[in-house]
């Protein structure tokens, strides 16, 4: 049987602070044994590095285009 509990992050931090040193060590070991996130994945990093670079002017054009599209949508 499995039960899931939703605990707000701040409350979780408070609970961790109340652990004794041995319990904290066990928690730390457990967390370190978890698989790493996608940020450590070389393929993920390669995808990010292959993405296009946008200049400030490119970003400004994107915002202008979005505004134009929104105006067009609202006039329909």
C-alpha atoms as a PDB file:
ATOM      1  CA  UNK A   1       0.000   0.000   0.000  1.00  0.00           C
ATOM      2  CA  UNK A   2       1.240   3.463  -0.856  1.00  0.00           C
ATOM      3  CA  UNK A   3       0.108   6.790   0.542  1.00  0.00           C
ATOM      4  CA  UNK A   4       1.010  10.174  -0.853  1.00  0.00           C
ATOM      5  CA  UNK A   5       1.129  13.283   1.287  1.00  0.00           C
ATOM      6  CA  UNK A   6       1.526  16.801  -0.039  1.00  0.00           C
ATOM      7  CA  UNK A   7       3.712  18.857   2.284  1.00  0.00           C
ATOM      8  CA  UNK A   8       4.503  22.497   1.554  1.00  0.00           C
ATOM      9  CA  UNK A   9       8.213  23.084   0.996  1.00  0.00           C
ATOM     10  CA  UNK A  10       8.653  25.385   4.017  1.00  0.00           C
ATOM     11  CA  UNK A  11       7.013  22.818   6.267  1.00  0.00           C
ATOM     12  CA  UNK A  12       9.304  20.131   4.868  1.00  0.00           C
ATOM     13  CA  UNK A  13      12.353  22.271   5.668  1.00  0.00           C
ATOM     14  CA  UNK A  14      11.090  22.731   9.229  1.00  0.00           C
ATOM     15  CA  UNK A  15      10.688  18.967   9.602  1.00  0.00           C
ATOM     16  CA  UNK A  16      14.208  18.328   8.302  1.00  0.00           C
ATOM     17  CA  UNK A  17      15.620  20.858  10.765  1.00  0.00           C
ATOM     18  CA  UNK A  18      14.024  18.902  13.617  1.00  0.00           C
ATOM     19  CA  UNK A  19      15.833  15.681  12.692  1.00  0.00           C
ATOM     20  CA  UNK A  20      18.649  14.495  14.919  1.00  0.00           C
ATOM     21  CA  UNK A  21      22.148  14.255  13.371  1.00  0.00           C
ATOM     22  CA  UNK A  22      21.856  10.519  12.685  1.00  0.00           C
ATOM     23  CA  UNK A  23      18.515  10.959  10.918  1.00  0.00           C
ATOM     24  CA  UNK A  24      19.921  13.875   8.896  1.00  0.00           C
ATOM     25  CA  UNK A  25      22.863  11.721   7.812  1.00  0.00           C
ATOM     26  CA  UNK A  26      20.472   8.973   6.703  1.00  0.00           C
ATOM     27  CA  UNK A  27      18.355  11.514   4.805  1.00  0.00           C
ATOM     28  CA  UNK A  28      21.437  12.995   3.134  1.00  0.00           C
ATOM     29  CA  UNK A  29      22.641   9.538   2.070  1.00  0.00           C
ATOM     30  CA  UNK A  30      19.204   8.718   0.669  1.00  0.00           C
ATOM     31  CA  UNK A  31      19.025  11.970  -1.288  1.00  0.00           C
ATOM     32  CA  UNK A  32      22.519  11.485  -2.699  1.00  0.00           C
ATOM     33  CA  UNK A  33      21.594   7.994  -3.891  1.00  0.00           C
ATOM     34  CA  UNK A  34      18.735   9.339  -6.028  1.00  0.00           C
ATOM     35  CA  UNK A  35      19.338   9.479  -9.784  1.00  0.00           C
ATOM     36  CA  UNK A  36      20.658  12.814 -10.977  1.00  0.00           C
ATOM     37  CA  UNK A  37      18.418  15.342 -12.708  1.00  0.00           C
ATOM     38  CA  UNK A  38      18.278  16.028 -16.439  1.00  0.00           C
ATOM     39  CA  UNK A  39      20.630  18.970 -15.930  1.00  0.00           C
ATOM     40  CA  UNK A  40      23.509  16.514 -15.563  1.00  0.00           C
ATOM     41  CA  UNK A  41      22.505  14.703 -18.743  1.00  0.00           C
ATOM     42  CA  UNK A  42      25.012  15.434 -21.540  1.00  0.00           C
ATOM     43  CA  UNK A  43      22.274  15.029 -24.182  1.00  0.00           C
ATOM     44  CA  UNK A  44      20.172  17.659 -22.431  1.00  0.00           C
ATOM     45  CA  UNK A  45      23.140  20.032 -22.338  1.00  0.00           C
ATOM     46  CA  UNK A  46      23.839  19.370 -26.025  1.00  0.00           C
ATOM     47  CA  UNK A  47      20.246  20.195 -26.942  1.00  0.00           C
ATOM     48  CA  UNK A  48      20.497  23.449 -25.019  1.00  0.00           C
ATOM     49  CA  UNK A  49      23.815  24.357 -26.602  1.00  0.00           C
ATOM     50  CA  UNK A  50      22.430  23.668 -30.096  1.00  0.00           C
ATOM     51  CA  UNK A  51      19.508  26.055 -29.600  1.00  0.00           C
ATOM     52  CA  UNK A  52      19.594  29.296 -31.540  1.00  0.00           C
ATOM     53  CA  UNK A  53      20.928  32.447 -29.899  1.00  0.00           C
ATOM     54  CA  UNK A  54      18.549  35.380 -29.863  1.00  0.00           C
ATOM     55  CA  UNK A  55      19.653  38.984 -29.851  1.00  0.00           C
ATOM     56  CA  UNK A  56      17.746  41.665 -27.983  1.00  0.00           C
ATOM     57  CA  UNK A  57      16.347  42.805 -31.339  1.00  0.00           C
ATOM     58  CA  UNK A  58      15.110  39.267 -32.098  1.00  0.00           C
ATOM     59  CA  UNK A  59      13.328  39.116 -28.745  1.00  0.00           C
ATOM     60  CA  UNK A  60      11.810  42.554 -29.369  1.00  0.00           C
ATOM     61  CA  UNK A  61      10.483  41.345 -32.741  1.00  0.00           C
ATOM     62  CA  UNK A  62       8.965  38.274 -31.089  1.00  0.00           C
ATOM     63  CA  UNK A  63       7.144  40.498 -28.578  1.00  0.00           C
ATOM     64  CA  UNK A  64       5.938  42.794 -31.362  1.00  0.00           C
ATOM     65  CA  UNK A  65       4.654  39.808 -33.339  1.00  0.00           C
ATOM     66  CA  UNK A  66       2.849  38.437 -30.307  1.00  0.00           C
ATOM     67  CA  UNK A  67       1.185  41.785 -29.723  1.00  0.00           C
ATOM     68  CA  UNK A  68       0.111  41.928 -33.370  1.00  0.00           C
ATOM     69  CA  UNK A  69      -1.332  38.431 -33.186  1.00  0.00           C
ATOM     70  CA  UNK A  70      -3.216  39.292 -29.984  1.00  0.00           C
ATOM     71  CA  UNK A  71      -4.647  42.430 -31.610  1.00  0.00           C
ATOM     72  CA  UNK A  72      -5.685  40.359 -34.634  1.00  0.00           C
ATOM     73  CA  UNK A  73      -7.324  37.720 -32.431  1.00  0.00           C
ATOM     74  CA  UNK A  74      -9.239  40.286 -30.403  1.00  0.00           C
ATOM     75  CA  UNK A  75     -10.561  41.963 -33.570  1.00  0.00           C
ATOM     76  CA  UNK A  76     -12.034  38.710 -34.915  1.00  0.00           C
END
